Amino acid sequence: MSHLEAAFDAAFSHVLGHQAVSVSIIGIRAGLFAAIQDRGPISAPNLAEVLGFDEHLVRVWCRAAFAFEFLDTYQFAVMSCSTSAVMRSATP
């Protein structure tokens, strides 16, 4: 691996880390993780309805949260929190 490739890999890792933190902070502050945890498996449209949020924005957040493995499933648009995401969101 060249020096340039190593630098690119390091920069890309930092960007992904920043995005993961942003997705988790949004989920905690907006109450998305709490709503999913309280209601069990729930679809993005139902989650948006429960919280009074825009369905499209909730769906986008859910896809991102699934990509970072904060949600266990995204099959048929029904999500549940992963155990590690619940533990992380409960940590001050």
C-alpha atoms as a PDB file:
ATOM      1  CA  MET A   1       0.000   0.000   0.000  1.00  0.00           C
ATOM      2  CA  SER A   2       1.426   3.354  -0.984  1.00  0.00           C
ATOM      3  CA  HIS A   3       1.671   6.335   1.324  1.00  0.00           C
ATOM      4  CA  LEU A   4      -1.127   8.051  -0.622  1.00  0.00           C
ATOM      5  CA  GLU A   5      -3.430   5.031  -0.295  1.00  0.00           C
ATOM      6  CA  ALA A   6      -2.747   4.804   3.422  1.00  0.00           C
ATOM      7  CA  ALA A   7      -3.515   8.507   3.856  1.00  0.00           C
ATOM      8  CA  PHE A   8      -6.755   8.116   1.892  1.00  0.00           C
ATOM      9  CA  ASP A   9      -7.779   5.093   3.992  1.00  0.00           C
ATOM     10  CA  ALA A  10      -7.118   7.014   7.202  1.00  0.00           C
ATOM     11  CA  ALA A  11      -9.094  10.035   6.006  1.00  0.00           C
ATOM     12  CA  PHE A  12     -11.980   7.834   4.872  1.00  0.00           C
ATOM     13  CA  SER A  13     -12.075   6.114   8.277  1.00  0.00           C
ATOM     14  CA  HIS A  14     -12.292   9.496   9.998  1.00  0.00           C
ATOM     15  CA  VAL A  15     -15.174  10.576   7.754  1.00  0.00           C
ATOM     16  CA  LEU A  16     -17.079   7.354   8.454  1.00  0.00           C
ATOM     17  CA  GLY A  17     -16.499   7.768  12.171  1.00  0.00           C
ATOM     18  CA  HIS A  18     -17.857  11.310  12.066  1.00  0.00           C
ATOM     19  CA  GLN A  19     -20.935  10.167  10.167  1.00  0.00           C
ATOM     20  CA  ALA A  20     -21.569   7.333  12.637  1.00  0.00           C
ATOM     21  CA  VAL A  21     -21.385   9.756  15.557  1.00  0.00           C
ATOM     22  CA  SER A  22     -23.751  12.161  13.782  1.00  0.00           C
ATOM     23  CA  VAL A  23     -26.301   9.408  13.111  1.00  0.00           C
ATOM     24  CA  SER A  24     -26.150   8.218  16.720  1.00  0.00           C
ATOM     25  CA  ILE A  25     -26.488  11.740  18.161  1.00  0.00           C
ATOM     26  CA  ILE A  26     -29.511  12.449  15.959  1.00  0.00           C
ATOM     27  CA  GLY A  27     -31.067   9.155  17.034  1.00  0.00           C
ATOM     28  CA  ILE A  28     -30.549   9.913  20.711  1.00  0.00           C
ATOM     29  CA  ARG A  29     -31.579  13.584  20.697  1.00  0.00           C
ATOM     30  CA  ALA A  30     -34.612  13.080  18.451  1.00  0.00           C
ATOM     31  CA  GLY A  31     -35.802  10.121  20.505  1.00  0.00           C
ATOM     32  CA  LEU A  32     -35.600   7.694  17.585  1.00  0.00           C
ATOM     33  CA  PHE A  33     -33.680   5.013  19.490  1.00  0.00           C
ATOM     34  CA  ALA A  34     -35.971   5.363  22.510  1.00  0.00           C
ATOM     35  CA  ALA A  35     -39.120   5.083  20.381  1.00  0.00           C
ATOM     36  CA  ILE A  36     -37.806   1.991  18.585  1.00  0.00           C
ATOM     37  CA  GLN A  37     -36.748   0.422  21.871  1.00  0.00           C
ATOM     38  CA  ASP A  38     -40.087   1.191  23.568  1.00  0.00           C
ATOM     39  CA  ARG A  39     -42.244  -0.129  20.732  1.00  0.00           C
ATOM     40  CA  GLY A  40     -40.180  -3.087  19.588  1.00  0.00           C
ATOM     41  CA  PRO A  41     -39.880  -3.712  15.857  1.00  0.00           C
ATOM     42  CA  ILE A  42     -41.453  -0.777  14.010  1.00  0.00           C
ATOM     43  CA  SER A  43     -41.524   0.466  10.428  1.00  0.00           C
ATOM     44  CA  ALA A  44     -40.106   3.833   9.403  1.00  0.00           C
ATOM     45  CA  PRO A  45     -43.560   5.221   8.490  1.00  0.00           C
ATOM     46  CA  ASN A  46     -44.956   4.139  11.871  1.00  0.00           C
ATOM     47  CA  LEU A  47     -41.930   5.565  13.672  1.00  0.00           C
ATOM     48  CA  ALA A  48     -42.387   8.884  11.871  1.00  0.00           C
ATOM     49  CA  GLU A  49     -46.077   8.924  12.777  1.00  0.00           C
ATOM     50  CA  VAL A  50     -45.432   8.145  16.447  1.00  0.00           C
ATOM     51  CA  LEU A  51     -42.862  10.933  16.737  1.00  0.00           C
ATOM     52  CA  GLY A  52     -44.596  13.407  14.417  1.00  0.00           C
ATOM     53  CA  PHE A  53     -41.586  13.530  12.079  1.00  0.00           C
ATOM     54  CA  ASP A  54     -41.355  13.639   8.299  1.00  0.00           C
ATOM     55  CA  GLU A  55     -41.494  10.064   6.987  1.00  0.00           C
ATOM     56  CA  HIS A  56     -38.800  10.584   4.351  1.00  0.00           C
ATOM     57  CA  LEU A  57     -36.316  11.964   6.886  1.00  0.00           C
ATOM     58  CA  VAL A  58     -36.996   9.112   9.304  1.00  0.00           C
ATOM     59  CA  ARG A  59     -36.499   6.585   6.511  1.00  0.00           C
ATOM     60  CA  VAL A  60     -33.166   8.191   5.581  1.00  0.00           C
ATOM     61  CA  TRP A  61     -32.034   8.133   9.214  1.00  0.00           C
ATOM     62  CA  CYS A  62     -33.099   4.482   9.546  1.00  0.00           C
ATOM     63  CA  ARG A  63     -31.072   3.494   6.491  1.00  0.00           C
ATOM     64  CA  ALA A  64     -28.018   5.256   7.892  1.00  0.00           C
ATOM     65  CA  ALA A  65     -28.511   3.716  11.340  1.00  0.00           C
ATOM     66  CA  PHE A  66     -28.816   0.278   9.757  1.00  0.00           C
ATOM     67  CA  ALA A  67     -25.657   0.861   7.713  1.00  0.00           C
ATOM     68  CA  PHE A  68     -23.742   1.591  10.929  1.00  0.00           C
ATOM     69  CA  GLU A  69     -25.338  -1.466  12.597  1.00  0.00           C
ATOM     70  CA  PHE A  70     -27.286   0.606  15.146  1.00  0.00           C
ATOM     71  CA  LEU A  71     -30.444  -1.183  13.986  1.00  0.00           C
ATOM     72  CA  ASP A  72     -30.682  -4.943  13.717  1.00  0.00           C
ATOM     73  CA  THR A  73     -33.013  -5.236  10.765  1.00  0.00           C
ATOM     74  CA  TYR A  74     -34.158  -3.181   7.850  1.00  0.00           C
ATOM     75  CA  GLN A  75     -35.870  -6.079   6.124  1.00  0.00           C
ATOM     76  CA  PHE A  76     -39.341  -5.044   4.954  1.00  0.00           C
ATOM     77  CA  ALA A  77     -38.643  -1.637   6.553  1.00  0.00           C
ATOM     78  CA  VAL A  78     -39.150  -2.953  10.091  1.00  0.00           C
ATOM     79  CA  MET A  79     -36.413  -2.034  12.520  1.00  0.00           C
ATOM     80  CA  SER A  80     -35.341  -2.925  16.015  1.00  0.00           C
ATOM     81  CA  CYS A  81     -32.413  -1.521  17.964  1.00  0.00           C
ATOM     82  CA  SER A  82     -29.297  -3.613  18.157  1.00  0.00           C
ATOM     83  CA  THR A  83     -28.256  -4.490  21.691  1.00  0.00           C
ATOM     84  CA  SER A  84     -25.072  -2.476  21.378  1.00  0.00           C
ATOM     85  CA  ALA A  85     -26.971   0.619  20.154  1.00  0.00           C
ATOM     86  CA  VAL A  86     -29.283   0.459  23.153  1.00  0.00           C
ATOM     87  CA  MET A  87     -26.323   0.179  25.501  1.00  0.00           C
ATOM     88  CA  ARG A  88     -24.510   3.065  23.794  1.00  0.00           C
ATOM     89  CA  SER A  89     -27.582   5.340  23.851  1.00  0.00           C
ATOM     90  CA  ALA A  90     -28.016   4.737  27.589  1.00  0.00           C
ATOM     91  CA  THR A  91     -24.434   5.782  28.338  1.00  0.00           C
ATOM     92  CA  PRO A  92     -24.058   9.460  29.366  1.00  0.00           C
END
